[in-house]
Amino acid sequence: MAGTISVSSTIAVTLSNSIDNPLTVTDTGTIDITSGIALNLLSPLVWTIDNSGLLQTSGAYVDALKLGAGGSIGNETGGRIVGGAYGAVILGGAGSLTNAGLVQSQGTSGSAITFSAGGVVTNIAGGTISGGHGVEIGSHAGTVTNSGLVNGNSAAV
């Protein structure tokens, strides 16, 4: 099965059921909140998400999108992942993110993209990744391929 978010929400969304994986956020899908994690995809599932909508939180020290056990994010043209401190965070396992839209941290010390267990970031032409740090990859190997814009207050990568 698969899950789809195609409506607007001002309430955080947390998913943990395999019936929702893979998950699609359509161009009409919006999760725009002021505190908490906008879209929290819990472990032990390794999630796959395709985003064409808006995942946004303006609260300090919070994430727009969090995958708890590794996984894959596709952020399409027009897709926006904007966090108060962190944009997209992948924990617990390797991750991949392909970006053609915007992934952003609004904070000066957070990261647009954070992988705790390594992974691959591909930013295609027209994609923008920006934040305190553009891309932060933890203690495992990582690769960043960039044809768009990656920048950061402290460091791009």
N, C-alpha and C. Protein backbone atom coordinates (compact mmCIF):
# COMPACT_ATOMS: atom_id res chain seq x y z
N MET A 1 0.85 -1.18 0.00
CA MET A 1 0.00 0.00 0.00
C MET A 1 0.88 1.24 0.00
N ALA A 2 0.26 2.39 -0.03
CA ALA A 2 0.97 3.65 -0.03
C ALA A 2 0.09 4.70 0.63
N GLY A 3 0.76 5.73 1.16
CA GLY A 3 0.03 6.82 1.78
C GLY A 3 0.15 8.08 0.94
N THR A 4 -0.85 8.95 1.07
CA THR A 4 -0.84 10.22 0.35
C THR A 4 -1.35 11.32 1.26
N ILE A 5 -0.64 12.45 1.25
CA ILE A 5 -1.11 13.66 1.92
C ILE A 5 -1.38 14.67 0.82
N SER A 6 -2.64 15.10 0.72
CA SER A 6 -3.02 16.01 -0.36
C SER A 6 -3.88 17.17 0.14
N VAL A 7 -3.94 17.35 1.44
CA VAL A 7 -4.73 18.44 2.04
C VAL A 7 -3.83 19.28 2.93
N SER A 8 -4.36 20.38 3.44
CA SER A 8 -3.60 21.27 4.32
C SER A 8 -3.84 20.90 5.78
N SER A 9 -2.76 21.02 6.57
CA SER A 9 -2.86 20.75 8.00
C SER A 9 -2.03 21.77 8.76
N THR A 10 -2.56 22.24 9.88
CA THR A 10 -1.80 23.08 10.80
C THR A 10 -1.46 22.29 12.06
N ILE A 11 -1.62 20.98 11.98
CA ILE A 11 -1.31 20.06 13.08
C ILE A 11 -0.20 19.12 12.59
N ALA A 12 0.78 18.86 13.44
CA ALA A 12 1.87 17.96 13.11
C ALA A 12 1.33 16.57 12.76
N VAL A 13 2.02 15.88 11.84
CA VAL A 13 1.61 14.55 11.42
C VAL A 13 2.72 13.57 11.77
N THR A 14 2.34 12.48 12.47
CA THR A 14 3.28 11.42 12.82
C THR A 14 2.73 10.12 12.25
N LEU A 15 3.59 9.39 11.53
CA LEU A 15 3.17 8.13 10.92
C LEU A 15 4.10 7.01 11.35
N SER A 16 3.53 5.83 11.58
CA SER A 16 4.33 4.67 11.99
C SER A 16 3.83 3.37 11.37
N ASN A 17 2.84 3.44 10.51
CA ASN A 17 2.21 2.25 9.96
C ASN A 17 2.75 1.95 8.57
N SER A 18 3.13 0.72 8.32
CA SER A 18 3.70 0.34 7.03
C SER A 18 2.72 0.54 5.87
N ILE A 19 1.43 0.64 6.16
CA ILE A 19 0.44 0.87 5.11
C ILE A 19 0.63 2.25 4.46
N ASP A 20 1.29 3.18 5.17
CA ASP A 20 1.53 4.54 4.66
C ASP A 20 2.85 4.67 3.90
N ASN A 21 3.62 3.59 3.83
CA ASN A 21 4.96 3.63 3.24
C ASN A 21 4.96 2.88 1.92
N PRO A 22 5.32 3.49 0.78
CA PRO A 22 5.89 4.82 0.62
C PRO A 22 4.81 5.90 0.76
N LEU A 23 5.28 7.12 1.04
CA LEU A 23 4.38 8.25 1.28
C LEU A 23 4.60 9.31 0.21
N THR A 24 3.49 9.85 -0.29
CA THR A 24 3.54 10.95 -1.26
C THR A 24 2.85 12.16 -0.66
N VAL A 25 3.52 13.31 -0.74
CA VAL A 25 2.89 14.59 -0.40
C VAL A 25 2.71 15.32 -1.73
N THR A 26 1.45 15.50 -2.13
CA THR A 26 1.17 16.11 -3.43
C THR A 26 1.40 17.62 -3.38
N ASP A 27 1.30 18.26 -4.54
CA ASP A 27 1.51 19.71 -4.59
C ASP A 27 0.44 20.48 -3.84
N THR A 28 -0.68 19.85 -3.50
CA THR A 28 -1.71 20.49 -2.68
C THR A 28 -1.56 20.10 -1.21
N GLY A 29 -0.61 19.24 -0.89
CA GLY A 29 -0.38 18.81 0.49
C GLY A 29 0.47 19.83 1.23
N THR A 30 -0.01 20.24 2.40
CA THR A 30 0.69 21.24 3.20
C THR A 30 0.59 20.86 4.67
N ILE A 31 1.75 20.81 5.32
CA ILE A 31 1.78 20.72 6.79
C ILE A 31 2.61 21.91 7.23
N ASP A 32 1.95 22.90 7.81
CA ASP A 32 2.58 24.17 8.18
C ASP A 32 2.23 24.45 9.63
N ILE A 33 3.21 24.24 10.53
CA ILE A 33 2.95 24.35 11.96
C ILE A 33 3.95 25.32 12.60
N THR A 34 3.67 25.73 13.83
CA THR A 34 4.54 26.67 14.53
C THR A 34 5.43 26.00 15.57
N SER A 35 5.13 24.75 15.94
CA SER A 35 6.00 24.05 16.88
C SER A 35 5.89 22.55 16.64
N GLY A 36 6.92 21.83 17.00
CA GLY A 36 6.93 20.39 16.79
C GLY A 36 7.48 20.03 15.43
N ILE A 37 7.53 18.74 15.14
CA ILE A 37 8.01 18.23 13.86
C ILE A 37 6.83 18.17 12.91
N ALA A 38 6.94 18.84 11.77
CA ALA A 38 5.82 18.90 10.83
C ALA A 38 5.41 17.49 10.38
N LEU A 39 6.37 16.69 9.89
CA LEU A 39 6.09 15.32 9.45
C LEU A 39 7.13 14.41 10.05
N ASN A 40 6.69 13.56 10.98
CA ASN A 40 7.58 12.66 11.73
C ASN A 40 7.27 11.23 11.31
N LEU A 41 8.22 10.59 10.62
CA LEU A 41 8.04 9.22 10.13
C LEU A 41 8.87 8.30 11.02
N LEU A 42 8.19 7.53 11.86
CA LEU A 42 8.83 6.81 12.95
C LEU A 42 9.49 5.50 12.52
N SER A 43 10.52 5.11 13.30
CA SER A 43 11.16 3.82 13.15
C SER A 43 10.22 2.76 13.74
N PRO A 44 10.40 1.52 13.44
CA PRO A 44 11.53 0.90 12.76
C PRO A 44 11.42 0.91 11.24
N LEU A 45 10.41 1.57 10.67
CA LEU A 45 10.25 1.57 9.22
C LEU A 45 11.34 2.40 8.55
N VAL A 46 11.84 1.91 7.44
CA VAL A 46 12.73 2.67 6.57
C VAL A 46 11.82 3.29 5.52
N TRP A 47 11.64 4.60 5.61
CA TRP A 47 10.62 5.30 4.84
C TRP A 47 11.12 5.74 3.46
N THR A 48 10.18 5.83 2.54
CA THR A 48 10.39 6.47 1.25
C THR A 48 9.31 7.53 1.11
N ILE A 49 9.74 8.77 0.87
CA ILE A 49 8.79 9.87 0.73
C ILE A 49 9.09 10.66 -0.53
N ASP A 50 8.03 11.03 -1.24
CA ASP A 50 8.12 11.87 -2.41
C ASP A 50 7.30 13.12 -2.12
N ASN A 51 7.97 14.29 -2.07
CA ASN A 51 7.32 15.52 -1.66
C ASN A 51 7.25 16.52 -2.81
N SER A 52 6.04 16.99 -3.09
CA SER A 52 5.82 18.09 -4.02
C SER A 52 5.11 19.25 -3.33
N GLY A 53 4.84 19.08 -2.04
CA GLY A 53 4.08 20.08 -1.28
C GLY A 53 4.95 20.90 -0.37
N LEU A 54 4.37 21.32 0.76
CA LEU A 54 5.06 22.15 1.75
C LEU A 54 5.07 21.43 3.09
N LEU A 55 6.26 21.19 3.63
CA LEU A 55 6.45 20.68 4.99
C LEU A 55 7.22 21.76 5.71
N GLN A 56 6.56 22.41 6.68
CA GLN A 56 7.19 23.59 7.29
C GLN A 56 6.86 23.71 8.76
N THR A 57 7.87 24.07 9.53
CA THR A 57 7.67 24.44 10.92
C THR A 57 8.54 25.65 11.21
N SER A 58 7.97 26.60 11.91
CA SER A 58 8.71 27.83 12.21
C SER A 58 9.26 27.85 13.63
N GLY A 59 8.94 26.83 14.42
CA GLY A 59 9.42 26.78 15.80
C GLY A 59 10.92 26.57 15.88
N ALA A 60 11.54 27.17 16.85
CA ALA A 60 12.99 27.02 17.05
C ALA A 60 13.30 25.59 17.48
N TYR A 61 14.43 25.08 17.03
CA TYR A 61 14.96 23.77 17.43
C TYR A 61 14.10 22.59 17.00
N VAL A 62 13.37 22.73 15.90
CA VAL A 62 12.54 21.62 15.43
C VAL A 62 12.79 21.35 13.95
N ASP A 63 12.31 20.19 13.51
CA ASP A 63 12.53 19.71 12.15
C ASP A 63 11.24 19.82 11.34
N ALA A 64 11.41 20.05 10.05
CA ALA A 64 10.24 19.99 9.16
C ALA A 64 9.90 18.54 8.83
N LEU A 65 10.94 17.72 8.58
CA LEU A 65 10.74 16.32 8.18
C LEU A 65 11.79 15.46 8.88
N LYS A 66 11.33 14.39 9.52
CA LYS A 66 12.24 13.50 10.24
C LYS A 66 11.90 12.05 9.91
N LEU A 67 12.92 11.30 9.47
CA LEU A 67 12.80 9.86 9.25
C LEU A 67 13.60 9.19 10.35
N GLY A 68 13.00 8.30 11.11
CA GLY A 68 13.61 7.75 12.31
C GLY A 68 14.54 6.58 12.10
N ALA A 69 14.52 5.93 10.93
CA ALA A 69 15.33 4.71 10.75
C ALA A 69 15.96 4.64 9.36
N GLY A 70 16.37 5.78 8.85
CA GLY A 70 16.93 5.81 7.50
C GLY A 70 15.82 5.90 6.47
N GLY A 71 16.22 6.05 5.22
CA GLY A 71 15.22 6.09 4.17
C GLY A 71 15.60 7.03 3.05
N SER A 72 14.61 7.33 2.24
CA SER A 72 14.82 8.07 1.00
C SER A 72 13.80 9.20 0.88
N ILE A 73 14.30 10.38 0.51
CA ILE A 73 13.45 11.55 0.31
C ILE A 73 13.65 12.05 -1.11
N GLY A 74 12.57 12.24 -1.83
CA GLY A 74 12.58 12.92 -3.11
C GLY A 74 11.82 14.22 -2.95
N ASN A 75 12.51 15.33 -3.10
CA ASN A 75 11.86 16.64 -3.00
C ASN A 75 11.78 17.22 -4.42
N GLU A 76 10.57 17.22 -4.96
CA GLU A 76 10.36 17.55 -6.37
C GLU A 76 10.38 19.05 -6.60
N THR A 77 10.42 19.46 -7.87
CA THR A 77 10.31 20.87 -8.24
C THR A 77 9.05 21.43 -7.61
N GLY A 78 9.17 22.53 -6.90
CA GLY A 78 8.03 23.12 -6.20
C GLY A 78 7.87 22.60 -4.79
N GLY A 79 8.52 21.49 -4.45
CA GLY A 79 8.46 20.95 -3.10
C GLY A 79 9.30 21.80 -2.16
N ARG A 80 8.80 22.02 -0.94
CA ARG A 80 9.52 22.83 0.05
C ARG A 80 9.52 22.11 1.39
N ILE A 81 10.73 21.95 1.93
CA ILE A 81 10.93 21.37 3.26
C ILE A 81 11.68 22.43 4.05
N VAL A 82 10.96 23.12 4.95
CA VAL A 82 11.52 24.29 5.63
C VAL A 82 11.34 24.13 7.13
N GLY A 83 12.46 24.02 7.86
CA GLY A 83 12.41 23.85 9.30
C GLY A 83 12.87 25.08 10.04
N GLY A 84 12.35 25.26 11.24
CA GLY A 84 12.80 26.35 12.09
C GLY A 84 14.27 26.23 12.42
N ALA A 85 14.72 25.01 12.69
CA ALA A 85 16.13 24.75 12.97
C ALA A 85 16.71 23.77 11.96
N TYR A 86 15.98 22.70 11.63
CA TYR A 86 16.45 21.68 10.70
C TYR A 86 15.38 21.42 9.65
N GLY A 87 15.81 21.26 8.40
CA GLY A 87 14.87 20.95 7.32
C GLY A 87 14.52 19.48 7.32
N ALA A 88 15.40 18.66 6.73
CA ALA A 88 15.18 17.21 6.64
C ALA A 88 16.23 16.49 7.48
N VAL A 89 15.79 15.58 8.34
CA VAL A 89 16.68 14.83 9.22
C VAL A 89 16.42 13.34 9.02
N ILE A 90 17.50 12.58 8.79
CA ILE A 90 17.38 11.13 8.69
C ILE A 90 18.28 10.52 9.75
N LEU A 91 17.69 9.77 10.68
CA LEU A 91 18.40 9.15 11.79
C LEU A 91 18.39 7.64 11.65
N GLY A 92 19.24 6.98 12.41
CA GLY A 92 19.15 5.54 12.60
C GLY A 92 19.57 4.64 11.46
N GLY A 93 19.77 5.17 10.30
CA GLY A 93 20.19 4.39 9.14
C GLY A 93 20.57 5.33 8.02
N ALA A 94 21.23 4.80 7.02
CA ALA A 94 21.66 5.62 5.90
C ALA A 94 20.46 6.25 5.20
N GLY A 95 20.72 7.41 4.60
CA GLY A 95 19.65 8.11 3.92
C GLY A 95 20.05 8.56 2.54
N SER A 96 19.05 8.92 1.77
CA SER A 96 19.30 9.57 0.48
C SER A 96 18.26 10.66 0.29
N LEU A 97 18.70 11.73 -0.34
CA LEU A 97 17.80 12.84 -0.62
C LEU A 97 18.15 13.37 -2.01
N THR A 98 17.15 13.41 -2.88
CA THR A 98 17.29 14.03 -4.19
C THR A 98 16.41 15.26 -4.18
N ASN A 99 17.01 16.43 -4.46
CA ASN A 99 16.31 17.69 -4.32
C ASN A 99 16.25 18.45 -5.64
N ALA A 100 15.02 18.84 -6.02
CA ALA A 100 14.80 19.73 -7.15
C ALA A 100 14.05 20.98 -6.71
N GLY A 101 13.69 21.03 -5.42
CA GLY A 101 12.93 22.15 -4.86
C GLY A 101 13.77 22.94 -3.86
N LEU A 102 13.23 23.13 -2.65
CA LEU A 102 13.89 23.88 -1.59
C LEU A 102 13.93 23.04 -0.32
N VAL A 103 15.12 22.88 0.25
CA VAL A 103 15.28 22.31 1.58
C VAL A 103 16.03 23.36 2.38
N GLN A 104 15.45 23.81 3.50
CA GLN A 104 16.00 24.96 4.19
C GLN A 104 15.88 24.85 5.70
N SER A 105 16.90 25.34 6.38
CA SER A 105 16.87 25.58 7.81
C SER A 105 16.80 27.09 7.98
N GLN A 106 15.80 27.57 8.72
CA GLN A 106 15.68 29.01 8.94
C GLN A 106 16.59 29.49 10.05
N GLY A 107 17.10 28.56 10.88
CA GLY A 107 17.99 28.93 11.97
C GLY A 107 19.42 29.13 11.49
N THR A 108 20.20 29.87 12.24
CA THR A 108 21.59 30.13 11.86
C THR A 108 22.52 29.01 12.26
N SER A 109 22.09 28.11 13.14
CA SER A 109 22.98 27.02 13.56
C SER A 109 22.47 25.65 13.14
N GLY A 110 21.28 25.54 12.65
CA GLY A 110 20.74 24.26 12.21
C GLY A 110 21.22 23.91 10.81
N SER A 111 20.79 22.77 10.33
CA SER A 111 21.17 22.30 9.00
C SER A 111 19.94 22.08 8.14
N ALA A 112 20.08 22.38 6.86
CA ALA A 112 18.99 22.09 5.94
C ALA A 112 18.78 20.59 5.85
N ILE A 113 19.89 19.83 5.74
CA ILE A 113 19.83 18.38 5.65
C ILE A 113 20.81 17.79 6.66
N THR A 114 20.35 16.86 7.49
CA THR A 114 21.20 16.18 8.46
C THR A 114 20.99 14.68 8.35
N PHE A 115 22.07 13.95 8.11
CA PHE A 115 22.07 12.48 8.10
C PHE A 115 22.96 12.02 9.23
N SER A 116 22.44 11.25 10.17
CA SER A 116 23.26 10.79 11.30
C SER A 116 24.08 9.55 10.96
N ALA A 117 23.67 8.80 9.93
CA ALA A 117 24.35 7.53 9.62
C ALA A 117 24.81 7.48 8.17
N GLY A 118 25.18 8.62 7.62
CA GLY A 118 25.70 8.66 6.27
C GLY A 118 24.62 8.63 5.22
N GLY A 119 25.06 8.79 3.97
CA GLY A 119 24.10 8.73 2.88
C GLY A 119 24.52 9.56 1.70
N VAL A 120 23.56 9.80 0.81
CA VAL A 120 23.82 10.47 -0.46
C VAL A 120 22.83 11.62 -0.63
N VAL A 121 23.35 12.80 -0.96
CA VAL A 121 22.53 13.96 -1.28
C VAL A 121 22.81 14.32 -2.73
N THR A 122 21.74 14.43 -3.52
CA THR A 122 21.85 14.87 -4.91
C THR A 122 20.97 16.10 -5.07
N ASN A 123 21.60 17.21 -5.36
CA ASN A 123 20.89 18.47 -5.56
C ASN A 123 20.96 18.79 -7.05
N ILE A 124 19.82 18.65 -7.73
CA ILE A 124 19.83 18.81 -9.18
C ILE A 124 19.65 20.28 -9.56
N ALA A 125 19.88 20.61 -10.82
CA ALA A 125 19.76 21.98 -11.30
C ALA A 125 18.40 22.54 -10.91
N GLY A 126 18.42 23.73 -10.34
CA GLY A 126 17.20 24.37 -9.87
C GLY A 126 16.90 24.10 -8.42
N GLY A 127 17.58 23.13 -7.80
CA GLY A 127 17.38 22.81 -6.38
C GLY A 127 18.18 23.75 -5.50
N THR A 128 17.62 24.08 -4.33
CA THR A 128 18.30 24.94 -3.36
C THR A 128 18.31 24.27 -2.01
N ILE A 129 19.50 24.22 -1.40
CA ILE A 129 19.69 23.71 -0.05
C ILE A 129 20.40 24.81 0.72
N SER A 130 19.75 25.32 1.80
CA SER A 130 20.39 26.41 2.54
C SER A 130 20.02 26.36 4.01
N GLY A 131 20.93 26.85 4.84
CA GLY A 131 20.70 26.89 6.28
C GLY A 131 21.94 27.32 7.01
N GLY A 132 21.95 27.10 8.32
CA GLY A 132 23.16 27.34 9.10
C GLY A 132 24.30 26.52 8.53
N HIS A 133 24.01 25.24 8.28
CA HIS A 133 24.83 24.34 7.48
C HIS A 133 23.93 23.88 6.35
N GLY A 134 24.45 23.80 5.15
CA GLY A 134 23.63 23.28 4.06
C GLY A 134 23.36 21.80 4.25
N VAL A 135 24.44 21.00 4.27
CA VAL A 135 24.33 19.55 4.42
C VAL A 135 25.28 19.12 5.52
N GLU A 136 24.76 18.33 6.46
CA GLU A 136 25.57 17.79 7.56
C GLU A 136 25.41 16.27 7.57
N ILE A 137 26.53 15.56 7.40
CA ILE A 137 26.51 14.10 7.40
C ILE A 137 27.32 13.62 8.59
N GLY A 138 26.71 12.78 9.43
CA GLY A 138 27.32 12.32 10.68
C GLY A 138 28.52 11.42 10.49
N SER A 139 28.67 10.49 11.35
CA SER A 139 29.88 9.70 11.51
C SER A 139 30.11 8.65 10.43
N HIS A 140 29.25 8.53 9.46
CA HIS A 140 29.40 7.54 8.39
C HIS A 140 29.70 8.26 7.08
N ALA A 141 30.10 7.51 6.08
CA ALA A 141 30.46 8.08 4.78
C ALA A 141 29.25 8.72 4.11
N GLY A 142 29.54 9.78 3.38
CA GLY A 142 28.48 10.46 2.66
C GLY A 142 29.00 11.05 1.36
N THR A 143 28.06 11.30 0.45
CA THR A 143 28.38 11.89 -0.84
C THR A 143 27.38 13.00 -1.13
N VAL A 144 27.89 14.13 -1.61
CA VAL A 144 27.03 15.23 -2.04
C VAL A 144 27.36 15.52 -3.50
N THR A 145 26.34 15.47 -4.36
CA THR A 145 26.48 15.84 -5.76
C THR A 145 25.59 17.05 -5.98
N ASN A 146 26.16 18.13 -6.51
CA ASN A 146 25.43 19.38 -6.59
C ASN A 146 25.47 19.98 -7.99
N SER A 147 24.30 20.23 -8.55
CA SER A 147 24.17 20.98 -9.79
C SER A 147 23.30 22.22 -9.57
N GLY A 148 22.83 22.41 -8.33
CA GLY A 148 21.99 23.55 -7.98
C GLY A 148 22.74 24.49 -7.08
N LEU A 149 22.12 24.90 -5.97
CA LEU A 149 22.72 25.81 -5.01
C LEU A 149 22.73 25.16 -3.63
N VAL A 150 23.90 25.06 -3.02
CA VAL A 150 24.04 24.61 -1.64
C VAL A 150 24.82 25.68 -0.92
N ASN A 151 24.20 26.26 0.13
CA ASN A 151 24.94 27.25 0.91
C ASN A 151 24.58 27.12 2.38
N GLY A 152 25.42 27.74 3.22
CA GLY A 152 25.19 27.70 4.64
C GLY A 152 25.84 28.88 5.32
N ASN A 153 25.26 29.28 6.44
CA ASN A 153 25.83 30.35 7.25
C ASN A 153 27.24 29.98 7.72
N SER A 154 27.37 28.77 8.26
CA SER A 154 28.64 28.29 8.77
C SER A 154 29.41 27.50 7.73
N ALA A 155 28.72 26.61 7.01
CA ALA A 155 29.36 25.78 6.00
C ALA A 155 28.31 25.25 5.05
N ALA A 156 28.68 25.12 3.78
CA ALA A 156 27.75 24.54 2.81
C ALA A 156 27.60 23.05 3.05
N VAL A 157 28.74 22.34 3.25
CA VAL A 157 28.71 20.90 3.52
C VAL A 157 29.63 20.61 4.68
